[in-house]
């Protein structure tokens, strides 16, 4: 939780005036509760005795064999349509917006039954990403055990793993007080990605737990984008065209970056061809399967056309606000998302706070396109009697908001 912002003291209160503009600064009376506020700054945590030393990042110099295709069965298929097992003890549930993002209170992820886990998978497959606050009981061993229920855990070939041995299937996110600012090295569009889509079987259900991070208002938020909604944002003609295409997803840039930094590459980089539109095994909904971070080209069409499609999809994903959700983390919060149907992006600007998180990802099926798949938006329009979205961009309109 964020540190308390209320204290009993005698202090100056900020009234918005500049220090030298001649205005008087009002003084509060002694022993009166006042809000302690400094614009744009938040209190720094003391990490002298850090409780998560064993989960700090390490880069072991080991080598793994290439991944091979494995059988996969999605547990979400067995989830209750109303998630009645998972939500039986919930104290609150709410969506962030109609397209993506749900927050659940009163559920302990470390103590789920198998029926509740199935409901969780089903909920994530529908909502894209689900948030759980203050999951102190979910230590790294419990997080791995929960991930293993959904499938074989993925081992990342280049990124950091915990310094504690035996956790090579855990990915560590770590930035501390001494880390260099990375913003200038990446275009904001490029930061949007779906994890390791170059694998033969990219992950499905993925959990990220923040062990420590900036307090409320200190930055470090994560954003997700629904690829169901990306598909539904396209015209029918564009949907049909992209359904016949495949894309190349490459691990080479990540591998080259690791080698340039003097770090090991634990598995040889691969390039994998996946359908540009895929169908989800639980919902039957179609989604775009594309991300700016790993897709290098569209197969079977001229380079100029490929570049145009990549640029177009980049813009749809990164600028269409109604398909985004933004989460402001606090200590021990967990986000659980479906990597098949979401892109996500970190955000910078939280220095000098430490931000430390651990991620567990379960391998899924090899992506497939089923022409009998459905549109999420079309299904909801019928179910909830919502007017069909107008996709005719011709003519004039007065934008007013």
Protein backbone atom coordinates (compact mmCIF):
# COMPACT_ATOMS: atom_id res chain seq x y z
CA UNK A 1 0.00 0.00 0.00
CA UNK A 2 1.08 3.62 -0.48
CA UNK A 3 2.52 5.43 2.55
CA UNK A 4 0.08 7.61 4.45
CA UNK A 5 -0.17 11.16 3.17
CA UNK A 6 -1.77 12.60 6.32
CA UNK A 7 0.31 13.77 9.26
CA UNK A 8 -0.13 16.10 12.26
CA UNK A 9 2.31 18.97 11.92
CA UNK A 10 2.80 22.69 11.47
CA UNK A 11 3.66 23.26 7.82
CA UNK A 12 3.15 25.43 4.78
CA UNK A 13 0.38 24.53 2.36
CA UNK A 14 0.95 24.94 -1.35
CA UNK A 15 -1.55 27.33 -2.96
CA UNK A 16 -0.25 27.17 -6.54
CA UNK A 17 1.66 30.45 -6.43
CA UNK A 18 5.28 30.83 -7.48
CA UNK A 19 7.88 31.45 -4.76
CA UNK A 20 8.59 35.00 -5.95
CA UNK A 21 5.21 36.21 -7.14
CA UNK A 22 4.54 38.28 -4.02
CA UNK A 23 1.68 36.18 -2.70
CA UNK A 24 1.62 35.11 0.91
CA UNK A 25 1.89 31.45 1.77
CA UNK A 26 -0.80 30.45 4.24
CA UNK A 27 0.25 28.75 7.45
CA UNK A 28 -1.78 25.96 9.01
CA UNK A 29 -2.46 25.84 12.73
CA UNK A 30 -0.54 23.45 14.97
CA UNK A 31 -2.05 20.01 15.53
CA UNK A 32 -4.31 20.28 12.47
CA UNK A 33 -4.41 17.49 9.88
CA UNK A 34 -3.04 18.79 6.59
CA UNK A 35 -2.25 17.09 3.35
CA UNK A 36 1.45 16.61 2.74
CA UNK A 37 1.91 17.17 -0.98
CA UNK A 38 4.88 17.97 -3.20
CA UNK A 39 3.96 18.29 -6.91
CA UNK A 40 5.48 15.52 -9.01
CA UNK A 41 7.38 13.85 -6.14
CA UNK A 42 6.66 10.82 -3.96
CA UNK A 43 8.46 9.37 -0.95
CA UNK A 44 11.35 6.97 -1.56
CA UNK A 45 11.36 3.57 0.16
CA UNK A 46 14.35 2.45 2.21
CA UNK A 47 15.78 -0.78 0.76
CA UNK A 48 18.81 -1.16 3.04
CA UNK A 49 17.48 -4.50 4.32
CA UNK A 50 15.74 -5.82 1.22
CA UNK A 51 13.41 -8.79 1.71
CA UNK A 52 13.66 -10.05 -1.87
CA UNK A 53 17.41 -10.45 -2.28
CA UNK A 54 16.95 -13.99 -3.62
CA UNK A 55 14.77 -12.67 -6.45
CA UNK A 56 17.20 -10.05 -7.72
CA UNK A 57 18.13 -10.51 -11.39
CA UNK A 58 20.81 -12.93 -12.57
CA UNK A 59 22.00 -14.04 -16.02
CA UNK A 60 23.23 -17.65 -15.70
CA UNK A 61 25.50 -18.80 -18.51
CA UNK A 62 23.67 -21.97 -19.50
CA UNK A 63 22.32 -23.29 -22.79
CA UNK A 64 18.99 -24.98 -23.57
CA UNK A 65 17.86 -27.04 -26.53
CA UNK A 66 15.26 -25.65 -28.96
CA UNK A 67 11.65 -25.85 -27.85
CA UNK A 68 9.50 -28.55 -29.42
CA UNK A 69 5.74 -28.60 -29.88
CA UNK A 70 3.89 -29.99 -26.86
CA UNK A 71 0.24 -30.96 -26.32
CA UNK A 72 -1.82 -28.20 -24.74
CA UNK A 73 -5.29 -28.18 -23.20
CA UNK A 74 -6.80 -24.84 -22.16
CA UNK A 75 -8.23 -25.03 -18.64
CA UNK A 76 -10.50 -22.09 -19.40
CA UNK A 77 -12.76 -24.41 -21.39
CA UNK A 78 -13.84 -25.95 -18.05
CA UNK A 79 -14.54 -22.62 -16.34
CA UNK A 80 -18.07 -21.73 -15.24
CA UNK A 81 -19.77 -19.27 -17.65
CA UNK A 82 -20.53 -16.91 -14.73
CA UNK A 83 -17.21 -17.65 -12.91
CA UNK A 84 -19.28 -18.72 -9.89
CA UNK A 85 -16.46 -20.70 -8.24
CA UNK A 86 -13.87 -17.94 -8.50
CA UNK A 87 -16.20 -15.15 -7.45
CA UNK A 88 -18.01 -16.99 -4.63
CA UNK A 89 -15.96 -15.15 -2.00
CA UNK A 90 -15.23 -11.96 -3.94
CA UNK A 91 -16.07 -8.66 -2.26
CA UNK A 92 -16.01 -6.55 -5.42
CA UNK A 93 -15.62 -7.04 -9.18
CA UNK A 94 -15.55 -4.29 -11.79
CA UNK A 95 -14.43 -3.71 -15.37
CA UNK A 96 -12.09 -0.89 -16.32
CA UNK A 97 -13.86 -0.47 -19.67
CA UNK A 98 -16.06 -2.62 -21.93
CA UNK A 99 -13.18 -3.99 -24.01
CA UNK A 100 -10.47 -4.99 -21.52
CA UNK A 101 -9.47 -5.06 -17.88
CA UNK A 102 -11.24 -6.33 -14.74
CA UNK A 103 -10.32 -5.93 -11.07
CA UNK A 104 -11.33 -8.56 -8.49
CA UNK A 105 -11.24 -8.02 -4.72
CA UNK A 106 -11.49 -10.62 -1.96
CA UNK A 107 -9.85 -13.52 -3.83
CA UNK A 108 -6.58 -15.06 -2.61
CA UNK A 109 -4.65 -16.39 -5.62
CA UNK A 110 -2.49 -18.59 -3.38
CA UNK A 111 -5.49 -20.60 -2.17
CA UNK A 112 -7.54 -21.33 -5.28
CA UNK A 113 -9.25 -24.66 -5.88
CA UNK A 114 -8.92 -26.26 -9.31
CA UNK A 115 -12.47 -25.16 -10.15
CA UNK A 116 -11.55 -21.60 -9.24
CA UNK A 117 -8.41 -21.80 -11.38
CA UNK A 118 -10.53 -22.92 -14.34
CA UNK A 119 -12.85 -19.95 -13.79
CA UNK A 120 -9.83 -17.66 -13.58
CA UNK A 121 -8.56 -18.88 -16.95
CA UNK A 122 -11.98 -18.38 -18.49
CA UNK A 123 -12.29 -14.87 -17.07
CA UNK A 124 -8.84 -13.90 -18.35
CA UNK A 125 -9.57 -15.32 -21.80
CA UNK A 126 -12.65 -13.09 -22.02
CA UNK A 127 -11.41 -9.90 -20.31
CA UNK A 128 -7.78 -10.00 -21.49
CA UNK A 129 -6.23 -8.93 -18.18
CA UNK A 130 -7.48 -9.28 -14.59
CA UNK A 131 -6.04 -7.42 -11.59
CA UNK A 132 -5.76 -8.61 -7.98
CA UNK A 133 -4.62 -6.28 -5.20
CA UNK A 134 -2.37 -7.06 -2.22
CA UNK A 135 -1.58 -10.74 -2.92
CA UNK A 136 0.96 -11.07 -0.11
CA UNK A 137 0.39 -14.84 0.21
CA UNK A 138 1.36 -15.48 -3.41
CA UNK A 139 5.11 -16.03 -3.03
CA UNK A 140 7.20 -17.08 -6.01
CA UNK A 141 6.71 -20.78 -5.33
CA UNK A 142 2.92 -20.37 -5.20
CA UNK A 143 3.02 -18.21 -8.32
CA UNK A 144 4.90 -20.91 -10.22
CA UNK A 145 2.55 -23.61 -8.95
CA UNK A 146 -0.45 -21.63 -10.15
CA UNK A 147 1.17 -21.07 -13.55
CA UNK A 148 2.00 -24.76 -13.92
CA UNK A 149 -1.69 -25.60 -13.58
CA UNK A 150 -2.29 -23.82 -16.90
CA UNK A 151 0.64 -25.28 -18.82
CA UNK A 152 4.38 -25.85 -19.02
CA UNK A 153 6.22 -22.76 -17.78
CA UNK A 154 8.20 -20.85 -20.38
CA UNK A 155 11.94 -20.25 -19.92
CA UNK A 156 13.11 -17.00 -21.47
CA UNK A 157 16.28 -17.25 -23.56
CA UNK A 158 17.76 -13.84 -22.77
CA UNK A 159 16.18 -11.91 -19.91
CA UNK A 160 17.09 -12.09 -16.24
CA UNK A 161 15.99 -14.85 -13.86
CA UNK A 162 16.05 -14.83 -10.03
CA UNK A 163 19.43 -15.26 -8.37
CA UNK A 164 17.98 -18.14 -6.32
CA UNK A 165 18.81 -21.38 -8.21
CA UNK A 166 15.99 -23.45 -9.67
CA UNK A 167 13.82 -20.56 -10.82
CA UNK A 168 14.94 -20.40 -14.45
CA UNK A 169 11.29 -20.35 -15.58
CA UNK A 170 10.71 -17.01 -13.80
CA UNK A 171 11.37 -13.70 -15.55
CA UNK A 172 12.60 -10.81 -13.40
CA UNK A 173 11.70 -7.18 -14.04
CA UNK A 174 14.12 -4.97 -12.12
CA UNK A 175 15.05 -1.30 -12.12
CA UNK A 176 16.71 0.28 -9.11
CA UNK A 177 18.02 3.62 -7.95
CA UNK A 178 21.20 3.26 -10.03
CA UNK A 179 19.62 2.12 -13.30
CA UNK A 180 20.14 4.24 -16.41
CA UNK A 181 17.19 5.90 -18.09
CA UNK A 182 16.24 3.82 -21.16
CA UNK A 183 13.60 6.08 -22.73
CA UNK A 184 15.80 7.39 -25.53
CA UNK A 185 16.64 3.88 -26.77
CA UNK A 186 13.12 2.86 -27.81
CA UNK A 187 10.28 4.49 -29.70
CA UNK A 188 7.09 4.36 -27.59
CA UNK A 189 5.37 2.32 -30.29
CA UNK A 190 8.11 -0.32 -30.19
CA UNK A 191 7.59 -0.89 -26.45
CA UNK A 192 4.18 -2.43 -27.14
CA UNK A 193 4.57 -6.21 -27.39
CA UNK A 194 3.16 -9.61 -26.65
CA UNK A 195 5.71 -11.80 -24.86
CA UNK A 196 7.99 -14.07 -26.92
CA UNK A 197 5.59 -14.46 -29.86
CA UNK A 198 8.50 -15.83 -31.87
CA UNK A 199 8.17 -19.13 -29.97
CA UNK A 200 6.40 -22.07 -31.61
CA UNK A 201 3.86 -21.99 -28.76
CA UNK A 202 3.80 -18.48 -27.30
CA UNK A 203 2.44 -18.14 -23.75
CA UNK A 204 -1.19 -17.90 -22.71
CA UNK A 205 -1.94 -17.14 -19.05
CA UNK A 206 0.79 -14.90 -17.64
CA UNK A 207 1.09 -13.44 -14.14
CA UNK A 208 3.20 -10.50 -13.01
CA UNK A 209 3.57 -9.64 -9.33
CA UNK A 210 5.14 -6.38 -8.19
CA UNK A 211 7.33 -7.02 -5.14
CA UNK A 212 8.22 -3.39 -4.67
CA UNK A 213 7.62 -0.33 -6.76
CA UNK A 214 6.86 3.37 -6.78
CA UNK A 215 4.09 4.48 -4.41
CA UNK A 216 0.81 5.76 -5.76
CA UNK A 217 1.53 8.58 -8.18
CA UNK A 218 5.18 7.60 -8.59
CA UNK A 219 4.84 6.15 -12.10
CA UNK A 220 5.70 2.70 -13.41
CA UNK A 221 2.21 1.88 -14.69
CA UNK A 222 1.64 -0.91 -17.23
CA UNK A 223 -0.76 -0.66 -20.18
CA UNK A 224 -2.52 -3.48 -22.04
CA UNK A 225 -4.33 -3.48 -25.40
CA UNK A 226 -7.01 -5.96 -26.46
CA UNK A 227 -6.28 -7.72 -29.75
CA UNK A 228 -9.91 -8.84 -29.91
CA UNK A 229 -10.73 -5.13 -30.06
CA UNK A 230 -7.98 -4.47 -32.62
CA UNK A 231 -9.62 -7.01 -34.92
CA UNK A 232 -13.03 -5.44 -34.32
CA UNK A 233 -11.68 -1.95 -35.10
CA UNK A 234 -10.90 -3.05 -38.68
CA UNK A 235 -13.32 -2.84 -41.59
CA UNK A 236 -14.85 -6.09 -42.80
CA UNK A 237 -12.72 -5.90 -45.96
CA UNK A 238 -9.51 -5.44 -43.96
CA UNK A 239 -10.46 -8.27 -41.60
CA UNK A 240 -10.98 -10.61 -44.55
CA UNK A 241 -7.70 -9.58 -46.16
CA UNK A 242 -5.61 -10.07 -43.01
CA UNK A 243 -7.23 -13.43 -42.28
CA UNK A 244 -5.37 -14.85 -45.26
CA UNK A 245 -1.93 -13.60 -44.18
CA UNK A 246 0.86 -14.78 -41.91
CA UNK A 247 3.66 -12.85 -40.20
CA UNK A 248 7.25 -13.57 -39.18
CA UNK A 249 8.08 -13.15 -35.50
CA UNK A 250 11.80 -12.90 -34.75
CA UNK A 251 13.91 -13.42 -31.60
CA UNK A 252 17.10 -12.15 -33.22
CA UNK A 253 16.91 -8.55 -32.00
CA UNK A 254 16.58 -9.70 -28.38
CA UNK A 255 19.48 -12.13 -28.79
CA UNK A 256 21.69 -9.51 -30.43
CA UNK A 257 20.92 -7.03 -27.67
CA UNK A 258 21.90 -9.55 -25.00
CA UNK A 259 25.18 -10.41 -26.71
CA UNK A 260 26.00 -6.73 -27.15
CA UNK A 261 25.52 -6.28 -23.40
CA UNK A 262 27.86 -9.21 -22.69
CA UNK A 263 25.06 -11.46 -21.47
CA UNK A 264 24.43 -15.08 -22.43
CA UNK A 265 21.80 -16.26 -24.90
CA UNK A 266 20.47 -19.44 -23.35
CA UNK A 267 18.63 -20.73 -26.42
CA UNK A 268 19.39 -20.04 -30.07
CA UNK A 269 17.13 -17.34 -31.56
CA UNK A 270 14.34 -18.43 -33.88
CA UNK A 271 12.04 -16.92 -36.50
CA UNK A 272 8.51 -18.37 -36.55
CA UNK A 273 5.62 -17.85 -38.94
CA UNK A 274 2.22 -17.37 -37.32
CA UNK A 275 -1.22 -16.42 -38.68
CA UNK A 276 -1.90 -12.69 -38.55
CA UNK A 277 -5.41 -13.41 -37.26
CA UNK A 278 -5.88 -16.22 -34.73
CA UNK A 279 -8.90 -17.80 -33.03
CA UNK A 280 -9.11 -18.31 -29.27
CA UNK A 281 -9.85 -21.89 -28.12
CA UNK A 282 -12.03 -20.79 -25.16
CA UNK A 283 -14.07 -17.90 -26.56
CA UNK A 284 -13.99 -18.73 -30.27
CA UNK A 285 -13.31 -15.04 -30.92
CA UNK A 286 -10.91 -13.81 -33.59
CA UNK A 287 -8.05 -11.52 -32.65
CA UNK A 288 -5.15 -9.87 -34.40
CA UNK A 289 -1.92 -11.67 -33.50
CA UNK A 290 0.60 -8.92 -34.08
CA UNK A 291 2.91 -6.78 -31.99
CA UNK A 292 5.39 -4.01 -32.78
CA UNK A 293 8.18 -5.64 -30.77
CA UNK A 294 8.68 -8.93 -32.64
CA UNK A 295 6.88 -8.91 -36.01
CA UNK A 296 9.39 -8.15 -38.76
CA UNK A 297 7.41 -8.74 -41.96
CA UNK A 298 4.18 -10.00 -43.48
CA UNK A 299 4.66 -13.09 -45.64
CA UNK A 300 3.79 -13.40 -49.33
CA UNK A 301 3.21 -9.76 -50.23
CA UNK A 302 5.48 -6.94 -51.50
CA UNK A 303 7.78 -5.32 -48.96
CA UNK A 304 6.08 -1.93 -49.38
CA UNK A 305 2.71 -3.51 -48.65
CA UNK A 306 4.12 -5.40 -45.67
CA UNK A 307 5.57 -2.21 -44.23
CA UNK A 308 2.25 -0.42 -44.71
CA UNK A 309 0.32 -3.14 -42.85
CA UNK A 310 2.84 -3.16 -40.01
CA UNK A 311 2.66 0.63 -39.72
CA UNK A 312 -1.15 0.55 -39.83
CA UNK A 313 -1.50 -2.11 -37.14
CA UNK A 314 1.07 -0.34 -34.98
CA UNK A 315 -1.08 2.77 -35.08
CA UNK A 316 -4.33 0.94 -34.34
CA UNK A 317 -2.77 -0.85 -31.35
CA UNK A 318 -0.99 2.12 -29.82
CA UNK A 319 -3.47 4.96 -30.44
CA UNK A 320 -6.96 3.44 -30.11
CA UNK A 321 -7.73 4.41 -26.53
CA UNK A 322 -10.92 2.38 -26.03
CA UNK A 323 -9.00 -0.88 -26.41
CA UNK A 324 -6.44 0.12 -23.72
CA UNK A 325 -6.37 -0.35 -19.97
CA UNK A 326 -3.78 1.23 -17.65
CA UNK A 327 -2.94 -0.22 -14.24
CA UNK A 328 -1.33 1.69 -11.38
CA UNK A 329 0.60 -0.82 -9.30
CA UNK A 330 1.03 -1.08 -5.57
CA UNK A 331 3.14 -3.52 -3.58
CA UNK A 332 2.05 -7.19 -3.94
CA UNK A 333 -0.45 -6.44 -6.72
CA UNK A 334 -0.82 -9.10 -9.44
CA UNK A 335 -1.88 -8.75 -13.06
CA UNK A 336 -2.94 -11.94 -14.87
CA UNK A 337 -3.33 -11.64 -18.63
CA UNK A 338 -3.78 -13.78 -21.72
CA UNK A 339 -0.68 -13.21 -23.83
CA UNK A 340 -2.46 -14.56 -26.92
CA UNK A 341 -4.95 -11.70 -27.04
CA UNK A 342 -3.11 -8.78 -25.39
CA UNK A 343 -0.25 -6.49 -26.15
CA UNK A 344 1.25 -4.63 -23.22
CA UNK A 345 3.72 -1.84 -22.60
CA UNK A 346 5.72 -0.67 -19.63
CA UNK A 347 6.00 3.03 -18.90
CA UNK A 348 9.04 5.03 -17.87
CA UNK A 349 9.37 8.11 -15.69
CA UNK A 350 9.39 6.50 -12.23
CA UNK A 351 13.02 7.21 -11.28
CA UNK A 352 14.53 7.15 -8.69
CA UNK A 353 12.16 4.51 -7.30
CA UNK A 354 13.01 0.82 -7.32
CA UNK A 355 10.62 -1.37 -9.36
CA UNK A 356 10.95 -5.14 -8.92
CA UNK A 357 8.50 -7.73 -10.27
CA UNK A 358 8.44 -11.42 -11.17
CA UNK A 359 6.62 -12.94 -14.13
CA UNK A 360 5.47 -16.51 -14.76
CA UNK A 361 4.13 -17.52 -18.20
CA UNK A 362 2.48 -20.77 -19.32
CA UNK A 363 3.04 -22.08 -22.83
CA UNK A 364 -0.13 -22.34 -24.95
CA UNK A 365 -1.22 -23.90 -28.21
CA UNK A 366 0.38 -23.15 -31.54
CA UNK A 367 -1.63 -20.23 -32.99
CA UNK A 368 -4.32 -21.23 -35.48
CA UNK A 369 -6.93 -19.38 -37.52
CA UNK A 370 -10.42 -20.87 -37.64
CA UNK A 371 -12.59 -19.24 -40.34
CA UNK A 372 -15.65 -20.19 -38.25
CA UNK A 373 -14.43 -17.93 -35.43
CA UNK A 374 -16.55 -15.00 -34.27
CA UNK A 375 -16.15 -11.32 -33.49
CA UNK A 376 -16.27 -10.32 -29.81
CA UNK A 377 -17.93 -7.03 -30.71
CA UNK A 378 -20.55 -8.63 -32.96
CA UNK A 379 -21.42 -11.17 -30.26
CA UNK A 380 -21.78 -8.48 -27.59
CA UNK A 381 -23.84 -6.26 -29.88
CA UNK A 382 -26.41 -9.04 -30.25
CA UNK A 383 -26.28 -10.19 -26.60
CA UNK A 384 -26.64 -6.70 -25.09
CA UNK A 385 -28.64 -5.03 -27.88
CA UNK A 386 -25.87 -2.55 -28.68
CA UNK A 387 -26.09 -0.62 -31.98
CA UNK A 388 -23.64 -1.82 -34.60
CA UNK A 389 -20.51 0.33 -34.85
CA UNK A 390 -20.36 2.56 -37.92
CA UNK A 391 -17.07 1.93 -39.74
CA UNK A 392 -17.78 4.26 -42.67
CA UNK A 393 -15.22 7.03 -42.26
CA UNK A 394 -16.45 9.09 -45.20
CA UNK A 395 -18.42 12.30 -44.85
CA UNK A 396 -18.08 14.98 -42.19
CA UNK A 397 -18.60 15.00 -38.45
CA UNK A 398 -18.22 17.49 -35.62
CA UNK A 399 -15.96 15.90 -32.98
CA UNK A 400 -17.04 17.30 -29.63
CA UNK A 401 -15.67 16.14 -26.29
